[in-house]
Amino acid sequence: MQDEKGLYLLVNPNGAKYFRYNYRFSGKRKTLALGVYPNTTLKDAREKRDTAKKQLEGGIEPGENKKSVKQAKAENASNGFEVIAREWGKKKVETWSEKNNRSKRMLERNVFPWLGSRPITEILPKDILACLRRIEERGAIETAHRTLQICGQVFRYAVSTGRIERNITQDLKGALPPAKGEHFAATAEPKEAGQLLRAIDSYQGSLPAACALKLAPLVSRIHPKPFFMPGRRLFQPRRLGGAFSELSLAA
């Protein structure tokens, strides 16, 4: 079914209908597919034909241009930040597929919703910083630093695989406030230390864990002298064969 200016509707024996546009380029007759009817209306088909005619006037072959655009879209999809991040994860992180993987959770929560579908070549430092600021607003400064570190690893992987030229996360050095150090609980009282040692001695768990617990006081300070605390001696190394092989609680 002919329309005008090379546009027509091709009807197959099974009833399927396709808009086509015939044109000539470099002396050769060619055909451009414009869509399937009725998903593509006659108005849409005419607009696509007119666009193709303008390309011909500019020396562009519409069919080849369509292939190039399709290929570019496919490349952008394969170069999306999330695609590359998951590719990096599978190659570099043994536990990436586990649900409890911290790096994966951080990216899925803090980065993928905003940058996951973006081609990595189009992501700017300010885009990453915007994600980090959202984390910072929650008061999770340590998480923001860790997320930046993970993003840096993804970008370094993208550099090594030829997707980008440089790791732009380097430009964000100093952009986040320093994370506050975390202080862990410690046993400082002699009475508490004695209770701890007795608890370790009576531990009935696995052999590796029991050995690790009993070795911990020995390697906490490598020194041939007894361990001291203010006002009294707490630990007394016991010599066996010239080596400090065990500790006893000083009386």
C-alpha atoms as a PDB file:
ATOM      1  CA  MET A   1       0.000   0.000   0.000  1.00  0.00           C
ATOM      2  CA  GLN A   2       1.740   3.120  -1.257  1.00  0.00           C
ATOM      3  CA  ASP A   3       1.634   6.426   0.607  1.00  0.00           C
ATOM      4  CA  GLU A   4       3.929   9.066  -0.908  1.00  0.00           C
ATOM      5  CA  LYS A   5       7.578  10.040  -1.295  1.00  0.00           C
ATOM      6  CA  GLY A   6       8.774   6.455  -1.046  1.00  0.00           C
ATOM      7  CA  LEU A   7       6.714   5.513   2.018  1.00  0.00           C
ATOM      8  CA  TYR A   8       4.505   2.423   1.847  1.00  0.00           C
ATOM      9  CA  LEU A   9       2.861  -0.214   4.038  1.00  0.00           C
ATOM     10  CA  LEU A  10       4.052  -3.777   3.492  1.00  0.00           C
ATOM     11  CA  VAL A  11       1.365  -6.384   4.231  1.00  0.00           C
ATOM     12  CA  ASN A  12       2.572  -9.950   4.779  1.00  0.00           C
ATOM     13  CA  PRO A  13       0.429 -13.017   4.009  1.00  0.00           C
ATOM     14  CA  ASN A  14      -0.067 -13.558   7.756  1.00  0.00           C
ATOM     15  CA  GLY A  15      -1.612 -10.093   8.049  1.00  0.00           C
ATOM     16  CA  ALA A  16       1.345  -8.340   9.710  1.00  0.00           C
ATOM     17  CA  LYS A  17       1.848  -4.774   8.469  1.00  0.00           C
ATOM     18  CA  TYR A  18       5.175  -2.904   8.303  1.00  0.00           C
ATOM     19  CA  PHE A  19       5.989   0.652   7.268  1.00  0.00           C
ATOM     20  CA  ARG A  20       8.871   0.853   4.795  1.00  0.00           C
ATOM     21  CA  TYR A  21      10.686   3.692   3.067  1.00  0.00           C
ATOM     22  CA  ASN A  22      12.461   3.213  -0.262  1.00  0.00           C
ATOM     23  CA  TYR A  23      15.325   5.555  -1.126  1.00  0.00           C
ATOM     24  CA  ARG A  24      18.508   5.696  -3.161  1.00  0.00           C
ATOM     25  CA  PHE A  25      21.998   6.306  -1.816  1.00  0.00           C
ATOM     26  CA  SER A  26      25.196   6.298  -3.883  1.00  0.00           C
ATOM     27  CA  GLY A  27      23.176   5.079  -6.846  1.00  0.00           C
ATOM     28  CA  LYS A  28      21.771   2.061  -4.994  1.00  0.00           C
ATOM     29  CA  ARG A  29      18.163   1.411  -4.033  1.00  0.00           C
ATOM     30  CA  LYS A  30      17.686   0.751  -0.334  1.00  0.00           C
ATOM     31  CA  THR A  31      14.820   0.199   2.100  1.00  0.00           C
ATOM     32  CA  LEU A  32      14.463   1.513   5.636  1.00  0.00           C
ATOM     33  CA  ALA A  33      12.159  -0.131   8.201  1.00  0.00           C
ATOM     34  CA  LEU A  34      10.078   2.497  10.011  1.00  0.00           C
ATOM     35  CA  GLY A  35       7.973   0.409  12.380  1.00  0.00           C
ATOM     36  CA  VAL A  36       5.117  -2.039  12.748  1.00  0.00           C
ATOM     37  CA  TYR A  37       1.504  -0.964  12.240  1.00  0.00           C
ATOM     38  CA  PRO A  38      -0.551  -0.161  14.339  1.00  0.00           C
ATOM     39  CA  ASN A  39       2.118   0.457  17.022  1.00  0.00           C
ATOM     40  CA  THR A  40       3.616   2.923  14.562  1.00  0.00           C
ATOM     41  CA  THR A  41       0.933   5.204  13.166  1.00  0.00           C
ATOM     42  CA  LEU A  42       0.910   6.706   9.682  1.00  0.00           C
ATOM     43  CA  LYS A  43       1.809  10.066  11.202  1.00  0.00           C
ATOM     44  CA  ASP A  44       4.814   8.531  12.989  1.00  0.00           C
ATOM     45  CA  ALA A  45       5.936   6.782   9.807  1.00  0.00           C
ATOM     46  CA  ARG A  46       5.763  10.009   7.804  1.00  0.00           C
ATOM     47  CA  GLU A  47       7.821  11.849  10.432  1.00  0.00           C
ATOM     48  CA  LYS A  48      10.470   9.110  10.332  1.00  0.00           C
ATOM     49  CA  ARG A  49      10.502   9.254   6.532  1.00  0.00           C
ATOM     50  CA  ASP A  50      10.992  13.027   6.612  1.00  0.00           C
ATOM     51  CA  THR A  51      13.862  12.612   9.083  1.00  0.00           C
ATOM     52  CA  ALA A  52      15.472  10.074   6.764  1.00  0.00           C
ATOM     53  CA  LYS A  53      15.088  12.456   3.807  1.00  0.00           C
ATOM     54  CA  LYS A  54      16.897  15.196   5.752  1.00  0.00           C
ATOM     55  CA  GLN A  55      19.708  12.752   6.523  1.00  0.00           C
ATOM     56  CA  LEU A  56      20.010  11.947   2.821  1.00  0.00           C
ATOM     57  CA  GLU A  57      20.210  15.643   2.018  1.00  0.00           C
ATOM     58  CA  GLY A  58      23.088  15.892   4.494  1.00  0.00           C
ATOM     59  CA  GLY A  59      24.938  12.965   2.935  1.00  0.00           C
ATOM     60  CA  ILE A  60      24.004  10.513   5.694  1.00  0.00           C
ATOM     61  CA  GLU A  61      22.799   7.033   4.818  1.00  0.00           C
ATOM     62  CA  PRO A  62      19.668   6.482   6.990  1.00  0.00           C
ATOM     63  CA  GLY A  63      20.055   2.716   7.280  1.00  0.00           C
ATOM     64  CA  GLU A  64      23.665   2.898   8.457  1.00  0.00           C
ATOM     65  CA  ASN A  65      22.823   5.759  10.787  1.00  0.00           C
ATOM     66  CA  LYS A  66      20.067   3.669  12.366  1.00  0.00           C
ATOM     67  CA  LYS A  67      22.532   0.819  12.955  1.00  0.00           C
ATOM     68  CA  SER A  68      25.052   3.205  14.501  1.00  0.00           C
ATOM     69  CA  VAL A  69      22.469   4.638  16.890  1.00  0.00           C
ATOM     70  CA  LYS A  70      21.365   1.146  17.903  1.00  0.00           C
ATOM     71  CA  GLN A  71      24.961   0.079  18.497  1.00  0.00           C
ATOM     72  CA  ALA A  72      25.650   3.200  20.567  1.00  0.00           C
ATOM     73  CA  LYS A  73      22.637   2.470  22.764  1.00  0.00           C
ATOM     74  CA  ALA A  74      23.829  -1.093  23.286  1.00  0.00           C
ATOM     75  CA  GLU A  75      27.303   0.128  24.224  1.00  0.00           C
ATOM     76  CA  ASN A  76      25.856   2.650  26.664  1.00  0.00           C
ATOM     77  CA  ALA A  77      23.794  -0.098  28.267  1.00  0.00           C
ATOM     78  CA  SER A  78      26.857  -2.336  28.654  1.00  0.00           C
ATOM     79  CA  ASN A  79      28.841   0.600  30.055  1.00  0.00           C
ATOM     80  CA  GLY A  80      26.280   1.524  32.681  1.00  0.00           C
ATOM     81  CA  PHE A  81      27.718   2.022  36.157  1.00  0.00           C
ATOM     82  CA  GLU A  82      25.680  -0.799  37.678  1.00  0.00           C
ATOM     83  CA  VAL A  83      26.639  -3.235  34.914  1.00  0.00           C
ATOM     84  CA  ILE A  84      30.336  -2.473  35.387  1.00  0.00           C
ATOM     85  CA  ALA A  85      30.064  -2.541  39.182  1.00  0.00           C
ATOM     86  CA  ARG A  86      28.476  -5.990  39.157  1.00  0.00           C
ATOM     87  CA  GLU A  87      31.046  -7.185  36.637  1.00  0.00           C
ATOM     88  CA  TRP A  88      33.812  -5.917  38.923  1.00  0.00           C
ATOM     89  CA  GLY A  89      32.125  -7.547  41.886  1.00  0.00           C
ATOM     90  CA  LYS A  90      31.990 -10.967  40.275  1.00  0.00           C
ATOM     91  CA  LYS A  91      35.660 -10.810  39.340  1.00  0.00           C
ATOM     92  CA  LYS A  92      37.089  -9.170  42.439  1.00  0.00           C
ATOM     93  CA  VAL A  93      34.871 -10.014  45.400  1.00  0.00           C
ATOM     94  CA  GLU A  94      34.410 -13.662  46.282  1.00  0.00           C
ATOM     95  CA  THR A  95      31.264 -13.051  48.339  1.00  0.00           C
ATOM     96  CA  TRP A  96      29.656 -10.589  45.898  1.00  0.00           C
ATOM     97  CA  SER A  97      26.726 -12.913  45.224  1.00  0.00           C
ATOM     98  CA  GLU A  98      25.928 -13.332  48.911  1.00  0.00           C
ATOM     99  CA  LYS A  99      23.018 -11.306  50.242  1.00  0.00           C
ATOM    100  CA  ASN A 100      25.013 -10.117  53.246  1.00  0.00           C
ATOM    101  CA  ASN A 101      27.849  -8.630  51.195  1.00  0.00           C
ATOM    102  CA  ARG A 102      28.401  -5.139  52.570  1.00  0.00           C
ATOM    103  CA  SER A 103      29.876  -3.588  49.428  1.00  0.00           C
ATOM    104  CA  LYS A 104      27.000  -4.821  47.305  1.00  0.00           C
ATOM    105  CA  ARG A 105      24.416  -3.505  49.759  1.00  0.00           C
ATOM    106  CA  MET A 106      26.083  -0.101  49.892  1.00  0.00           C
ATOM    107  CA  LEU A 107      26.000   0.300  46.124  1.00  0.00           C
ATOM    108  CA  GLU A 108      22.456  -1.002  45.806  1.00  0.00           C
ATOM    109  CA  ARG A 109      21.181   1.385  48.458  1.00  0.00           C
ATOM    110  CA  ASN A 110      23.302   4.477  47.937  1.00  0.00           C
ATOM    111  CA  VAL A 111      24.475   4.583  44.308  1.00  0.00           C
ATOM    112  CA  PHE A 112      22.561   2.341  41.885  1.00  0.00           C
ATOM    113  CA  PRO A 113      19.187   4.132  42.260  1.00  0.00           C
ATOM    114  CA  TRP A 114      20.760   7.367  40.979  1.00  0.00           C
ATOM    115  CA  LEU A 115      23.740   6.326  38.849  1.00  0.00           C
ATOM    116  CA  GLY A 116      23.172   2.659  38.049  1.00  0.00           C
ATOM    117  CA  SER A 117      21.726   3.166  34.566  1.00  0.00           C
ATOM    118  CA  ARG A 118      24.042   6.048  33.649  1.00  0.00           C
ATOM    119  CA  PRO A 119      26.919   5.299  31.245  1.00  0.00           C
ATOM    120  CA  ILE A 120      30.069   5.456  33.330  1.00  0.00           C
ATOM    121  CA  THR A 121      31.612   7.825  30.785  1.00  0.00           C
ATOM    122  CA  GLU A 122      28.931  10.406  31.589  1.00  0.00           C
ATOM    123  CA  ILE A 123      29.270  10.310  35.374  1.00  0.00           C
ATOM    124  CA  LEU A 124      30.978  13.348  36.889  1.00  0.00           C
ATOM    125  CA  PRO A 125      32.559  13.804  40.333  1.00  0.00           C
ATOM    126  CA  LYS A 126      29.601  15.977  41.362  1.00  0.00           C
ATOM    127  CA  ASP A 127      27.230  13.083  40.611  1.00  0.00           C
ATOM    128  CA  ILE A 128      29.096  10.776  42.972  1.00  0.00           C
ATOM    129  CA  LEU A 129      29.343  13.533  45.558  1.00  0.00           C
ATOM    130  CA  ALA A 130      25.564  13.966  45.457  1.00  0.00           C
ATOM    131  CA  CYS A 131      25.181  10.297  46.425  1.00  0.00           C
ATOM    132  CA  LEU A 132      27.702  10.712  49.228  1.00  0.00           C
ATOM    133  CA  ARG A 133      25.921  13.798  50.550  1.00  0.00           C
ATOM    134  CA  ARG A 134      22.713  11.803  50.897  1.00  0.00           C
ATOM    135  CA  ILE A 135      24.577   9.308  53.066  1.00  0.00           C
ATOM    136  CA  GLU A 136      26.216  12.113  55.022  1.00  0.00           C
ATOM    137  CA  GLU A 137      22.819  13.650  55.752  1.00  0.00           C
ATOM    138  CA  ARG A 138      21.861  10.409  57.496  1.00  0.00           C
ATOM    139  CA  GLY A 139      24.857  10.862  59.771  1.00  0.00           C
ATOM    140  CA  ALA A 140      26.593   7.788  58.320  1.00  0.00           C
ATOM    141  CA  ILE A 141      29.979   9.384  57.643  1.00  0.00           C
ATOM    142  CA  GLU A 142      31.862   6.091  57.815  1.00  0.00           C
ATOM    143  CA  THR A 143      29.460   4.593  55.251  1.00  0.00           C
ATOM    144  CA  ALA A 144      29.998   7.592  52.971  1.00  0.00           C
ATOM    145  CA  HIS A 145      33.771   7.065  53.078  1.00  0.00           C
ATOM    146  CA  ARG A 146      33.369   3.352  52.415  1.00  0.00           C
ATOM    147  CA  THR A 147      30.976   3.995  49.515  1.00  0.00           C
ATOM    148  CA  LEU A 148      33.457   6.411  47.944  1.00  0.00           C
ATOM    149  CA  GLN A 149      36.175   3.792  48.305  1.00  0.00           C
ATOM    150  CA  ILE A 150      34.024   1.158  46.582  1.00  0.00           C
ATOM    151  CA  CYS A 151      33.136   3.560  43.761  1.00  0.00           C
ATOM    152  CA  GLY A 152      36.841   4.226  43.321  1.00  0.00           C
ATOM    153  CA  GLN A 153      37.489   0.511  42.910  1.00  0.00           C
ATOM    154  CA  VAL A 154      34.738   0.273  40.283  1.00  0.00           C
ATOM    155  CA  PHE A 155      36.165   3.233  38.368  1.00  0.00           C
ATOM    156  CA  ARG A 156      39.683   1.769  38.518  1.00  0.00           C
ATOM    157  CA  TYR A 157      38.284  -1.452  37.079  1.00  0.00           C
ATOM    158  CA  ALA A 158      36.587   0.551  34.310  1.00  0.00           C
ATOM    159  CA  VAL A 159      39.932   2.184  33.509  1.00  0.00           C
ATOM    160  CA  SER A 160      41.684  -1.183  33.354  1.00  0.00           C
ATOM    161  CA  THR A 161      39.024  -2.563  30.980  1.00  0.00           C
ATOM    162  CA  GLY A 162      39.204   0.437  28.648  1.00  0.00           C
ATOM    163  CA  ARG A 163      35.795   1.948  29.418  1.00  0.00           C
ATOM    164  CA  ILE A 164      37.133   5.260  30.729  1.00  0.00           C
ATOM    165  CA  GLU A 165      40.422   7.139  30.770  1.00  0.00           C
ATOM    166  CA  ARG A 166      40.753   8.018  34.456  1.00  0.00           C
ATOM    167  CA  ASN A 167      39.346   7.411  37.909  1.00  0.00           C
ATOM    168  CA  ILE A 168      37.325  10.543  38.662  1.00  0.00           C
ATOM    169  CA  THR A 169      36.783   9.619  42.319  1.00  0.00           C
ATOM    170  CA  GLN A 170      40.301  10.903  42.959  1.00  0.00           C
ATOM    171  CA  ASP A 171      38.876  14.395  42.517  1.00  0.00           C
ATOM    172  CA  LEU A 172      36.743  13.886  45.633  1.00  0.00           C
ATOM    173  CA  LYS A 173      39.655  13.565  48.025  1.00  0.00           C
ATOM    174  CA  GLY A 174      38.880  15.684  51.076  1.00  0.00           C
ATOM    175  CA  ALA A 175      35.258  16.240  50.052  1.00  0.00           C
ATOM    176  CA  LEU A 176      33.903  14.323  53.039  1.00  0.00           C
ATOM    177  CA  PRO A 177      34.334  15.207  56.704  1.00  0.00           C
ATOM    178  CA  PRO A 178      36.658  12.833  58.568  1.00  0.00           C
ATOM    179  CA  ALA A 179      35.035   9.809  60.109  1.00  0.00           C
ATOM    180  CA  LYS A 180      35.124   9.638  63.892  1.00  0.00           C
ATOM    181  CA  GLY A 181      37.184   6.820  65.325  1.00  0.00           C
ATOM    182  CA  GLU A 182      35.325   4.060  67.105  1.00  0.00           C
ATOM    183  CA  HIS A 183      36.454   3.087  70.589  1.00  0.00           C
ATOM    184  CA  PHE A 184      36.052  -0.536  71.587  1.00  0.00           C
ATOM    185  CA  ALA A 185      35.346  -1.749  75.087  1.00  0.00           C
ATOM    186  CA  ALA A 186      38.352  -2.950  77.086  1.00  0.00           C
ATOM    187  CA  THR A 187      38.893  -4.745  80.373  1.00  0.00           C
ATOM    188  CA  ALA A 188      40.799  -2.394  82.666  1.00  0.00           C
ATOM    189  CA  GLU A 189      40.041  -3.665  86.177  1.00  0.00           C
ATOM    190  CA  PRO A 190      42.118  -6.557  87.609  1.00  0.00           C
ATOM    191  CA  LYS A 191      38.998  -8.294  88.912  1.00  0.00           C
ATOM    192  CA  GLU A 192      37.355  -8.142  85.482  1.00  0.00           C
ATOM    193  CA  ALA A 193      40.553  -9.408  83.859  1.00  0.00           C
ATOM    194  CA  GLY A 194      40.583 -12.397  86.184  1.00  0.00           C
ATOM    195  CA  GLN A 195      36.986 -13.196  85.323  1.00  0.00           C
ATOM    196  CA  LEU A 196      37.835 -12.936  81.643  1.00  0.00           C
ATOM    197  CA  LEU A 197      40.772 -15.340  81.923  1.00  0.00           C
ATOM    198  CA  ARG A 198      38.700 -17.862  83.860  1.00  0.00           C
ATOM    199  CA  ALA A 199      35.939 -17.609  81.258  1.00  0.00           C
ATOM    200  CA  ILE A 200      38.477 -18.211  78.492  1.00  0.00           C
ATOM    201  CA  ASP A 201      39.900 -21.207  80.362  1.00  0.00           C
ATOM    202  CA  SER A 202      36.443 -22.774  80.717  1.00  0.00           C
ATOM    203  CA  TYR A 203      35.383 -22.098  77.119  1.00  0.00           C
ATOM    204  CA  GLN A 204      33.826 -25.229  75.605  1.00  0.00           C
ATOM    205  CA  GLY A 205      33.494 -24.124  71.985  1.00  0.00           C
ATOM    206  CA  SER A 206      35.455 -25.219  68.926  1.00  0.00           C
ATOM    207  CA  LEU A 207      39.148 -26.019  69.295  1.00  0.00           C
ATOM    208  CA  PRO A 208      40.355 -23.239  66.926  1.00  0.00           C
ATOM    209  CA  ALA A 209      38.319 -20.653  68.817  1.00  0.00           C
ATOM    210  CA  ALA A 210      39.535 -21.945  72.185  1.00  0.00           C
ATOM    211  CA  CYS A 211      43.165 -21.818  71.046  1.00  0.00           C
ATOM    212  CA  ALA A 212      42.728 -18.301  69.681  1.00  0.00           C
ATOM    213  CA  LEU A 213      41.211 -17.087  72.952  1.00  0.00           C
ATOM    214  CA  LYS A 214      44.025 -18.593  75.025  1.00  0.00           C
ATOM    215  CA  LEU A 215      46.690 -17.152  72.724  1.00  0.00           C
ATOM    216  CA  ALA A 216      45.216 -13.652  72.780  1.00  0.00           C
ATOM    217  CA  PRO A 217      46.719 -12.630  76.172  1.00  0.00           C
ATOM    218  CA  LEU A 218      50.114 -13.983  75.099  1.00  0.00           C
ATOM    219  CA  VAL A 219      50.350 -11.931  71.918  1.00  0.00           C
ATOM    220  CA  SER A 220      48.724  -8.799  73.308  1.00  0.00           C
ATOM    221  CA  ARG A 221      52.180  -7.625  74.369  1.00  0.00           C
ATOM    222  CA  ILE A 222      55.394  -9.325  73.334  1.00  0.00           C
ATOM    223  CA  HIS A 223      57.712  -8.508  76.214  1.00  0.00           C
ATOM    224  CA  PRO A 224      59.679 -10.708  78.656  1.00  0.00           C
ATOM    225  CA  LYS A 225      58.572  -8.678  81.682  1.00  0.00           C
ATOM    226  CA  PRO A 226      55.344  -9.204  83.642  1.00  0.00           C
ATOM    227  CA  PHE A 227      52.327  -7.148  82.610  1.00  0.00           C
ATOM    228  CA  PHE A 228      51.570  -4.320  84.994  1.00  0.00           C
ATOM    229  CA  MET A 229      48.633  -2.124  85.768  1.00  0.00           C
ATOM    230  CA  PRO A 230      48.726   0.968  87.971  1.00  0.00           C
ATOM    231  CA  GLY A 231      49.234  -0.041  91.572  1.00  0.00           C
ATOM    232  CA  ARG A 232      49.610  -3.791  91.146  1.00  0.00           C
ATOM    233  CA  ARG A 233      50.903  -6.557  88.939  1.00  0.00           C
ATOM    234  CA  LEU A 234      48.105  -8.184  86.958  1.00  0.00           C
ATOM    235  CA  PHE A 235      49.616 -10.857  84.717  1.00  0.00           C
ATOM    236  CA  GLN A 236      52.640 -13.016  85.422  1.00  0.00           C
ATOM    237  CA  PRO A 237      54.154 -14.883  82.453  1.00  0.00           C
ATOM    238  CA  ARG A 238      55.008 -18.429  83.419  1.00  0.00           C
ATOM    239  CA  ARG A 239      58.260 -19.773  81.995  1.00  0.00           C
ATOM    240  CA  LEU A 240      58.317 -23.231  80.489  1.00  0.00           C
ATOM    241  CA  GLY A 241      61.560 -24.246  78.834  1.00  0.00           C
ATOM    242  CA  GLY A 242      62.756 -20.654  78.503  1.00  0.00           C
ATOM    243  CA  ALA A 243      59.610 -19.487  76.671  1.00  0.00           C
ATOM    244  CA  PHE A 244      56.583 -17.623  77.912  1.00  0.00           C
ATOM    245  CA  SER A 245      54.045 -20.293  77.070  1.00  0.00           C
ATOM    246  CA  GLU A 246      51.156 -19.396  79.368  1.00  0.00           C
ATOM    247  CA  LEU A 247      49.865 -16.712  81.687  1.00  0.00           C
ATOM    248  CA  SER A 248      48.608 -16.955  85.205  1.00  0.00           C
ATOM    249  CA  LEU A 249      46.700 -14.363  87.178  1.00  0.00           C
ATOM    250  CA  ALA A 250      48.995 -12.837  89.769  1.00  0.00           C
ATOM    251  CA  ALA A 251      47.836 -13.263  93.341  1.00  0.00           C
END
